Amino acid sequence: MTEPGRMSARLIAERVRSGAVTPLEVVEQALDAARRLDPVLHFVEELDAEGARRAAQQVDPAGVLAGVPFLIKARTPPESPILHRLVAAGAVPIGWATRARPGAVSLTFGWNGRDYTRNPWDLTRSPGGSTAGGAAAVAAGVVPLATGGDSGGSLRIPASFCGIVGFKGTYGRVPRPGGRGLGGLTTAGVIGADLDDVILATSIASGPHRLDPTSLPPWPTAPNPTASSPTAWDPTAAVGRLRVGYRSTLGEWPADAGVDRVIRERLAVCGVDVVDVRLELAPTDEAWPVLSALDNGRGVDSVAVSRARAVRDHNNTALADLFDEVDVLVTPTTLTVAHGYDQHEESIVTGDPCWIFNVTGHPAVSVPAGLHDGLPVGAQVVAPYGEDHLALAVARHLYAPLPLPSIHPAGGGQVDR
């Protein structure tokens, strides 16, 4: 399910295992692409070429992700379980990718300390955020995977803007170094160009860890993939025809008509049953900042905490009632296509459909559904708590392979624009 011209993480690892290429050769290619494209896209906060080369020379070629290069979201703690588990599977970090500038009004941007990260589909646009650099690099074909965290859409918004996949599992699906936050918003995860790569990387990163005793059991419940058979399992394989509820918006701001049209057209042809649904959710705009403050150790008024908890409880109940009628909910991931990279001091609500499911903890995945005005449109699929495989099953149907963006390693002189 990778677009023409890309190489999936699974195929890279397969080539390494077969001896067709060495981990060092793969890493050198990724480093070269990063050096050529970063002056245009500004997705790197720091490249670690020597560290990547040393790691590549130590890779066990039998690993499930043997030799697969990836980028780490800037300011990710080095003890993060997701990093150690990907590296143990053979993946090689080549550096740290940009995230939103601290203190910015809007967080749907990336900043390398000198310039704002650009979208490889259009250099006047943002790649989203806060996992900005990872999304830009994956979309441009520099690496097949990048790590991130999602507390308000930080995996799904950039995936939508850049035409790739971002998966926020059920809260606790991937363990975090700080354990469960008081507000319970953030889930670690990955962004990738290929849905099956994202599923594989998430399964490798899942499971209990001593730093996060509240993390969920290993996922999926079927045996984990092996080096000799890395794709012999599929958590969506046993899922039959599903009932899908579609909502073009979940709040007071409507989706752009073109975005809505792309997703409706994709739903009409992708082999699912679309059901009209009602869903009355309490607004998230006051609850999320309170829970975020708790997660980040800032003082919060007890009355505000009670109100935030009431919003979470109301929305959890409303979603439970919804999932009695349908198997999954589909929405636009973002209300618009990618906005300008220079709008960072504006209050932008394009990711409004995302943060609701950080407050509740439900699994949600964004996949490309098509193009509007030449820019990617993401479809978000949300499933009941713990039923990540249902969201991914519908995402597999909705996924619309896109052409490569204009900025990519084989783009020749195009990268000099």
Protein backbone atom coordinates (compact mmCIF):
# COMPACT_ATOMS: atom_id res chain seq x y z
CA MET A 1 0.00 0.00 0.00
CA THR A 2 2.95 2.29 -0.64
CA GLU A 3 2.78 4.86 -3.42
CA PRO A 4 4.81 4.28 -6.59
CA GLY A 5 8.38 5.48 -6.17
CA ARG A 6 8.55 4.76 -2.43
CA MET A 7 10.09 1.82 -0.64
CA SER A 8 8.26 0.58 2.43
CA ALA A 9 10.02 -0.18 5.70
CA ARG A 10 9.07 -3.83 5.25
CA LEU A 11 10.67 -3.99 1.80
CA ILE A 12 13.84 -2.27 3.05
CA ALA A 13 14.17 -4.83 5.84
CA GLU A 14 13.47 -7.67 3.42
CA ARG A 15 16.27 -6.46 1.14
CA VAL A 16 18.64 -6.25 4.09
CA ARG A 17 17.75 -9.77 5.24
CA SER A 18 18.29 -11.12 1.71
CA GLY A 19 21.72 -9.49 1.46
CA ALA A 20 20.69 -7.31 -1.49
CA VAL A 21 21.74 -4.22 0.47
CA THR A 22 23.50 -3.53 3.75
CA PRO A 23 22.06 -1.45 6.60
CA LEU A 24 24.90 1.04 6.11
CA GLU A 25 24.02 1.51 2.44
CA VAL A 26 20.37 2.17 3.34
CA VAL A 27 21.34 4.66 6.03
CA GLU A 28 23.79 6.48 3.74
CA GLN A 29 21.02 6.89 1.18
CA ALA A 30 18.68 8.35 3.81
CA LEU A 31 21.39 10.69 5.10
CA ASP A 32 22.11 11.88 1.57
CA ALA A 33 18.42 12.55 0.94
CA ALA A 34 18.16 14.43 4.23
CA ARG A 35 21.16 16.62 3.40
CA ARG A 36 19.74 17.45 -0.04
CA LEU A 37 16.15 18.12 0.95
CA ASP A 38 16.50 19.71 4.38
CA PRO A 39 17.71 23.06 2.97
CA VAL A 40 14.35 23.21 1.15
CA LEU A 41 11.97 21.64 3.68
CA HIS A 42 13.72 22.44 7.00
CA PHE A 43 12.59 19.21 8.65
CA VAL A 44 15.76 18.35 10.59
CA GLU A 45 16.49 19.73 14.03
CA GLU A 46 19.71 17.73 14.25
CA LEU A 47 21.15 15.07 11.96
CA ASP A 48 23.31 12.38 13.62
CA ALA A 49 25.21 10.96 10.66
CA GLU A 50 28.05 9.38 12.63
CA GLY A 51 25.72 7.88 15.22
CA ALA A 52 23.52 6.47 12.45
CA ARG A 53 26.51 4.92 10.69
CA ARG A 54 27.72 3.28 13.90
CA ALA A 55 24.24 1.94 14.62
CA ALA A 56 23.87 0.63 11.06
CA GLN A 57 27.10 -1.35 11.37
CA GLN A 58 25.75 -3.08 14.48
CA VAL A 59 22.34 -4.02 13.07
CA ASP A 60 21.36 -7.67 13.18
CA PRO A 61 20.32 -8.31 9.54
CA ALA A 62 17.67 -10.75 10.77
CA GLY A 63 15.68 -8.02 12.54
CA VAL A 64 12.08 -7.31 11.61
CA LEU A 65 13.03 -3.69 10.79
CA ALA A 66 16.65 -4.42 9.88
CA GLY A 67 18.33 -1.30 8.50
CA VAL A 68 15.15 0.81 8.34
CA PRO A 69 16.08 4.49 8.87
CA PHE A 70 13.77 6.69 10.92
CA LEU A 71 13.61 10.14 12.49
CA ILE A 72 12.88 10.89 16.14
CA LYS A 73 10.62 13.76 17.13
CA ALA A 74 12.72 16.48 18.76
CA ARG A 75 12.76 16.53 22.57
CA THR A 76 11.69 12.88 22.82
CA PRO A 77 13.26 11.48 26.01
CA PRO A 78 16.10 9.09 25.10
CA GLU A 79 14.70 6.45 27.46
CA SER A 80 11.39 6.29 25.54
CA PRO A 81 10.27 2.66 25.11
CA ILE A 82 9.24 3.27 21.49
CA LEU A 83 12.81 4.21 20.57
CA HIS A 84 14.41 1.24 22.29
CA ARG A 85 11.93 -1.22 20.80
CA LEU A 86 12.29 0.06 17.23
CA VAL A 87 16.08 0.00 17.53
CA ALA A 88 15.96 -3.52 19.02
CA ALA A 89 14.00 -4.57 15.90
CA GLY A 90 16.83 -3.27 13.71
CA ALA A 91 15.64 0.26 12.86
CA VAL A 92 18.28 3.02 12.75
CA PRO A 93 17.59 6.61 13.92
CA ILE A 94 19.35 9.16 11.71
CA GLY A 95 18.50 12.25 13.77
CA TRP A 96 15.80 14.41 15.30
CA ALA A 97 12.95 16.02 13.37
CA THR A 98 11.38 19.42 13.98
CA ARG A 99 8.34 20.09 16.08
CA ALA A 100 6.31 23.22 16.87
CA ARG A 101 8.18 26.24 18.22
CA PRO A 102 7.67 26.58 21.99
CA GLY A 103 5.22 29.37 22.80
CA ALA A 104 3.70 29.56 19.33
CA VAL A 105 0.02 30.49 19.16
CA SER A 106 -0.66 27.58 16.82
CA LEU A 107 1.15 24.25 17.06
CA THR A 108 0.45 23.01 13.51
CA PHE A 109 3.94 24.00 12.35
CA GLY A 110 7.57 22.96 12.68
CA TRP A 111 10.60 25.11 13.57
CA ASN A 112 14.31 24.24 13.32
CA GLY A 113 15.54 27.31 15.15
CA ARG A 114 16.03 29.29 11.94
CA ASP A 115 13.11 28.58 9.62
CA TYR A 116 9.69 26.96 9.50
CA THR A 117 9.28 23.44 8.17
CA ARG A 118 7.64 23.26 4.75
CA ASN A 119 5.24 20.81 3.18
CA PRO A 120 6.75 18.79 0.29
CA TRP A 121 3.47 19.10 -1.61
CA ASP A 122 3.68 22.91 -1.65
CA LEU A 123 6.51 24.94 -0.16
CA THR A 124 4.12 27.74 0.81
CA ARG A 125 2.24 25.34 3.13
CA SER A 126 2.85 23.87 6.57
CA PRO A 127 3.30 20.11 7.04
CA GLY A 128 1.17 20.33 10.18
CA GLY A 129 2.36 19.66 13.68
CA SER A 130 3.57 19.16 16.10
CA THR A 131 5.22 16.12 14.48
CA ALA A 132 6.08 18.42 11.59
CA GLY A 133 9.56 17.41 10.50
CA GLY A 134 8.85 13.70 10.68
CA ALA A 135 5.78 14.07 8.47
CA ALA A 136 7.61 16.22 5.91
CA ALA A 137 10.52 13.77 5.74
CA VAL A 138 8.26 10.73 5.39
CA ALA A 139 6.11 12.39 2.74
CA ALA A 140 9.21 13.42 0.80
CA GLY A 141 10.56 9.86 0.89
CA VAL A 142 13.61 10.54 3.07
CA VAL A 143 12.62 7.90 5.64
CA PRO A 144 9.67 5.49 5.75
CA LEU A 145 8.91 6.06 9.44
CA ALA A 146 9.14 8.78 12.10
CA THR A 147 8.20 8.72 15.78
CA GLY A 148 5.98 11.20 17.56
CA GLY A 149 3.44 11.73 20.27
CA ASP A 150 -0.19 12.69 19.92
CA SER A 151 -1.84 14.80 22.62
CA GLY A 152 -4.14 16.86 20.39
CA GLY A 153 -3.64 15.49 16.87
CA SER A 154 0.15 15.74 16.63
CA LEU A 155 0.43 12.51 14.62
CA ARG A 156 -2.82 12.77 12.67
CA ILE A 157 -2.79 16.45 11.62
CA PRO A 158 0.63 16.29 9.90
CA ALA A 159 -0.32 12.94 8.36
CA SER A 160 -3.41 14.60 6.88
CA PHE A 161 -1.52 17.65 5.58
CA CYS A 162 1.24 15.52 4.04
CA GLY A 163 -0.77 12.64 2.57
CA ILE A 164 0.62 9.87 4.80
CA VAL A 165 -0.54 7.72 7.75
CA GLY A 166 -0.67 8.74 11.42
CA PHE A 167 -1.98 6.34 14.06
CA LYS A 168 -2.90 7.22 17.64
CA GLY A 169 -3.71 3.94 19.32
CA THR A 170 -5.98 3.53 22.30
CA TYR A 171 -4.52 5.47 25.24
CA GLY A 172 -1.67 3.34 26.58
CA ARG A 173 -1.20 1.33 23.39
CA VAL A 174 2.48 2.35 23.27
CA PRO A 175 4.19 2.86 26.66
CA ARG A 176 5.62 6.26 27.55
CA PRO A 177 8.67 7.00 29.71
CA GLY A 178 6.72 9.15 32.14
CA GLY A 179 3.92 6.64 32.67
CA ARG A 180 0.32 7.80 32.73
CA GLY A 181 -0.05 11.57 32.77
CA LEU A 182 -2.50 13.17 35.19
CA GLY A 183 -4.50 14.51 32.25
CA GLY A 184 -4.13 11.35 30.18
CA LEU A 185 -3.88 12.96 26.73
CA THR A 186 -0.69 11.80 25.04
CA THR A 187 -0.11 8.55 23.19
CA ALA A 188 3.25 7.74 21.61
CA GLY A 189 3.17 6.49 18.04
CA VAL A 190 4.55 6.58 14.53
CA ILE A 191 3.95 8.28 11.21
CA GLY A 192 4.61 6.40 7.99
CA ALA A 193 4.02 6.44 4.28
CA ASP A 194 2.59 2.91 4.38
CA LEU A 195 -0.32 1.73 6.54
CA ASP A 196 1.15 -1.74 7.06
CA ASP A 197 4.48 -0.22 8.12
CA VAL A 198 2.67 1.85 10.74
CA ILE A 199 0.77 -1.19 12.01
CA LEU A 200 3.99 -3.21 12.20
CA ALA A 201 5.97 -0.48 13.99
CA THR A 202 3.13 0.08 16.47
CA SER A 203 2.92 -3.63 17.25
CA ILE A 204 6.68 -3.72 17.89
CA ALA A 205 6.45 -0.69 20.20
CA SER A 206 3.40 -1.92 22.12
CA GLY A 207 3.20 -3.84 25.37
CA PRO A 208 3.94 -3.30 29.07
CA HIS A 209 7.11 -1.54 30.15
CA ARG A 210 8.65 -0.90 33.55
CA LEU A 211 8.51 2.88 32.98
CA ASP A 212 4.77 2.78 32.25
CA PRO A 213 2.93 0.16 34.33
CA THR A 214 -0.42 1.39 33.01
CA SER A 215 0.44 0.57 29.39
CA LEU A 216 -1.76 -1.96 27.59
CA PRO A 217 -0.86 -5.59 26.77
CA PRO A 218 1.07 -6.38 23.58
CA TRP A 219 -0.84 -5.65 20.38
CA PRO A 220 -2.17 -7.29 18.34
CA THR A 221 -3.15 -10.30 20.41
CA ALA A 222 -1.99 -12.63 17.61
CA PRO A 223 1.70 -13.65 17.67
CA ASN A 224 4.09 -10.84 16.83
CA PRO A 225 5.71 -10.91 13.38
CA THR A 226 9.08 -12.59 13.00
CA ALA A 227 12.05 -11.75 10.85
CA SER A 228 11.30 -14.69 8.58
CA SER A 229 7.61 -13.82 8.30
CA PRO A 230 7.13 -10.10 9.04
CA THR A 231 3.81 -9.73 7.23
CA ALA A 232 2.15 -13.09 7.93
CA TRP A 233 -0.25 -11.49 10.39
CA ASP A 234 -2.84 -8.78 9.97
CA PRO A 235 -4.97 -7.45 12.86
CA THR A 236 -7.66 -6.44 10.33
CA ALA A 237 -7.83 -9.77 8.48
CA ALA A 238 -10.78 -11.28 10.38
CA VAL A 239 -12.90 -8.13 10.21
CA GLY A 240 -16.02 -8.42 8.05
CA ARG A 241 -18.06 -5.71 6.37
CA LEU A 242 -18.37 -2.80 8.79
CA ARG A 243 -20.94 -0.11 9.52
CA VAL A 244 -19.48 3.37 9.34
CA GLY A 245 -20.93 6.56 10.73
CA TYR A 246 -19.73 9.71 8.97
CA ARG A 247 -19.68 13.22 10.43
CA SER A 248 -18.14 16.08 8.48
CA THR A 249 -17.58 18.05 11.68
CA LEU A 250 -17.72 17.40 15.42
CA GLY A 251 -17.76 21.00 16.61
CA GLU A 252 -18.95 24.44 15.67
CA TRP A 253 -16.53 24.87 12.76
CA PRO A 254 -17.53 23.21 9.46
CA ALA A 255 -15.20 21.27 7.23
CA ASP A 256 -14.22 22.83 3.94
CA ALA A 257 -16.71 21.71 1.29
CA GLY A 258 -13.93 20.26 -0.86
CA VAL A 259 -12.51 18.23 2.03
CA ASP A 260 -15.97 16.89 2.87
CA ARG A 261 -16.59 15.97 -0.78
CA VAL A 262 -13.33 14.02 -1.13
CA ILE A 263 -14.11 11.84 1.89
CA ARG A 264 -17.74 11.27 0.95
CA GLU A 265 -16.70 10.19 -2.53
CA ARG A 266 -14.12 7.83 -1.10
CA LEU A 267 -16.63 6.31 1.32
CA ALA A 268 -19.02 5.72 -1.58
CA VAL A 269 -16.61 3.44 -3.41
CA CYS A 270 -14.55 1.75 -0.70
CA GLY A 271 -16.80 -1.14 0.33
CA VAL A 272 -18.26 -0.08 3.67
CA ASP A 273 -21.83 0.57 4.76
CA VAL A 274 -22.30 4.24 5.65
CA VAL A 275 -24.97 4.94 8.27
CA ASP A 276 -26.50 8.29 9.24
CA VAL A 277 -25.75 8.95 12.90
CA ARG A 278 -26.41 11.53 15.57
CA LEU A 279 -23.65 12.49 17.97
CA GLU A 280 -23.94 15.18 20.61
CA LEU A 281 -20.50 15.85 22.08
CA ALA A 282 -19.62 18.39 24.73
CA PRO A 283 -17.14 21.04 23.49
CA THR A 284 -13.50 20.17 24.07
CA ASP A 285 -12.02 23.66 23.88
CA GLU A 286 -12.06 24.21 27.66
CA ALA A 287 -11.40 20.63 28.81
CA TRP A 288 -8.31 19.97 26.72
CA PRO A 289 -6.19 22.89 28.06
CA VAL A 290 -6.99 21.85 31.63
CA LEU A 291 -5.94 18.24 31.02
CA SER A 292 -2.84 19.43 29.16
CA ALA A 293 -1.88 21.59 32.13
CA LEU A 294 -2.20 18.56 34.40
CA ASP A 295 -0.04 16.48 32.06
CA ASN A 296 2.64 19.18 32.09
CA GLY A 297 2.69 19.80 35.84
CA ARG A 298 0.99 23.19 35.81
CA GLY A 299 -1.47 24.22 38.50
CA VAL A 300 -5.15 23.96 37.66
CA ASP A 301 -8.23 25.12 39.53
CA SER A 302 -10.16 22.19 41.01
CA VAL A 303 -13.44 23.46 39.57
CA ALA A 304 -11.88 23.50 36.07
CA VAL A 305 -10.66 19.93 36.60
CA SER A 306 -14.17 18.83 37.57
CA ARG A 307 -15.60 20.46 34.44
CA ALA A 308 -12.97 18.78 32.26
CA ARG A 309 -13.74 15.41 33.78
CA ALA A 310 -17.46 15.98 33.14
CA VAL A 311 -16.71 16.67 29.46
CA ARG A 312 -14.65 13.48 29.23
CA ASP A 313 -17.38 11.42 30.93
CA HIS A 314 -20.14 12.89 28.73
CA ASN A 315 -18.22 12.29 25.52
CA ASN A 316 -17.20 8.77 26.50
CA THR A 317 -20.87 7.93 27.10
CA ALA A 318 -21.96 9.58 23.84
CA LEU A 319 -19.35 7.60 21.91
CA ALA A 320 -20.33 4.35 23.64
CA ASP A 321 -23.91 4.93 22.49
CA LEU A 322 -22.69 5.72 18.97
CA PHE A 323 -20.65 2.52 18.80
CA ASP A 324 -23.77 0.54 19.67
CA GLU A 325 -25.07 1.66 16.25
CA VAL A 326 -21.91 1.63 14.12
CA ASP A 327 -18.53 -0.07 14.21
CA VAL A 328 -16.45 3.04 13.58
CA LEU A 329 -16.79 6.78 13.11
CA VAL A 330 -15.19 8.56 10.14
CA THR A 331 -14.50 12.30 10.03
CA PRO A 332 -12.15 14.58 8.14
CA THR A 333 -8.84 14.54 10.03
CA THR A 334 -8.51 18.26 9.42
CA LEU A 335 -11.21 20.70 8.41
CA THR A 336 -9.01 22.14 5.65
CA VAL A 337 -6.04 21.13 3.56
CA ALA A 338 -2.62 22.39 4.67
CA HIS A 339 -2.55 26.07 5.57
CA GLY A 340 0.30 28.51 4.96
CA TYR A 341 3.56 27.88 6.79
CA ASP A 342 3.64 31.57 7.79
CA GLN A 343 0.36 31.53 9.76
CA HIS A 344 2.02 30.36 12.96
CA GLU A 345 0.82 33.31 15.04
CA GLU A 346 -2.82 32.76 14.12
CA SER A 347 -5.31 30.70 16.10
CA ILE A 348 -6.05 27.85 13.68
CA VAL A 349 -8.81 25.32 14.35
CA THR A 350 -8.30 23.02 11.37
CA GLY A 351 -7.43 20.06 13.64
CA ASP A 352 -10.61 20.36 15.71
CA PRO A 353 -11.82 16.78 14.92
CA CYS A 354 -8.66 15.33 16.50
CA TRP A 355 -8.31 16.50 20.11
CA ILE A 356 -11.69 15.12 21.14
CA PHE A 357 -10.22 11.62 20.98
CA ASN A 358 -7.19 12.53 23.06
CA VAL A 359 -9.55 13.59 25.84
CA THR A 360 -11.48 10.30 25.58
CA GLY A 361 -8.52 8.05 24.67
CA HIS A 362 -10.16 6.30 21.70
CA PRO A 363 -7.98 4.90 18.88
CA ALA A 364 -7.88 7.08 15.76
CA VAL A 365 -5.95 6.81 12.52
CA SER A 366 -5.57 9.25 9.62
CA VAL A 367 -5.06 8.00 6.07
CA PRO A 368 -5.00 9.86 2.75
CA ALA A 369 -8.41 9.86 1.06
CA GLY A 370 -7.55 11.93 -2.03
CA LEU A 371 -6.59 15.43 -3.14
CA HIS A 372 -8.35 18.78 -3.03
CA ASP A 373 -6.82 21.70 -4.91
CA GLY A 374 -3.73 19.53 -5.39
CA LEU A 375 -3.20 18.97 -1.65
CA PRO A 376 -3.84 15.83 0.44
CA VAL A 377 -7.07 15.26 2.34
CA GLY A 378 -6.94 12.98 5.39
CA ALA A 379 -9.77 10.77 6.61
CA GLN A 380 -9.84 10.01 10.33
CA VAL A 381 -11.23 6.65 11.50
CA VAL A 382 -12.17 6.29 15.18
CA ALA A 383 -13.09 3.01 16.88
CA PRO A 384 -14.31 1.92 20.32
CA TYR A 385 -11.77 1.96 23.14
CA GLY A 386 -9.36 -0.94 22.69
CA GLU A 387 -10.71 -1.88 19.25
CA ASP A 388 -7.80 -0.42 17.27
CA HIS A 389 -8.09 -3.13 14.62
CA LEU A 390 -11.55 -1.90 13.60
CA ALA A 391 -10.25 1.61 12.89
CA LEU A 392 -7.39 0.14 10.87
CA ALA A 393 -9.70 -2.19 8.94
CA VAL A 394 -11.78 0.74 7.67
CA ALA A 395 -8.65 2.82 7.15
CA ARG A 396 -7.41 0.08 4.82
CA HIS A 397 -10.55 0.55 2.70
CA LEU A 398 -10.39 4.34 2.77
CA TYR A 399 -6.69 4.61 1.97
CA ALA A 400 -6.19 6.27 -1.43
CA PRO A 401 -2.60 5.98 -2.73
CA LEU A 402 -1.33 9.39 -3.81
CA PRO A 403 1.43 10.36 -6.25
CA LEU A 404 4.73 11.52 -4.83
CA PRO A 405 4.77 15.20 -3.82
CA SER A 406 6.79 17.61 -5.92
CA ILE A 407 9.71 17.55 -3.46
CA HIS A 408 11.30 14.10 -3.18
CA PRO A 409 14.78 12.56 -3.48
CA ALA A 410 14.37 11.68 -7.17
CA GLY A 411 12.90 15.08 -8.01
CA GLY A 412 16.10 16.41 -9.56
CA GLY A 413 16.11 20.17 -9.96
CA GLN A 414 12.69 20.44 -8.33
CA VAL A 415 14.31 20.50 -4.90
CA ASP A 416 16.11 23.72 -5.77
CA ARG A 417 12.91 25.80 -5.92
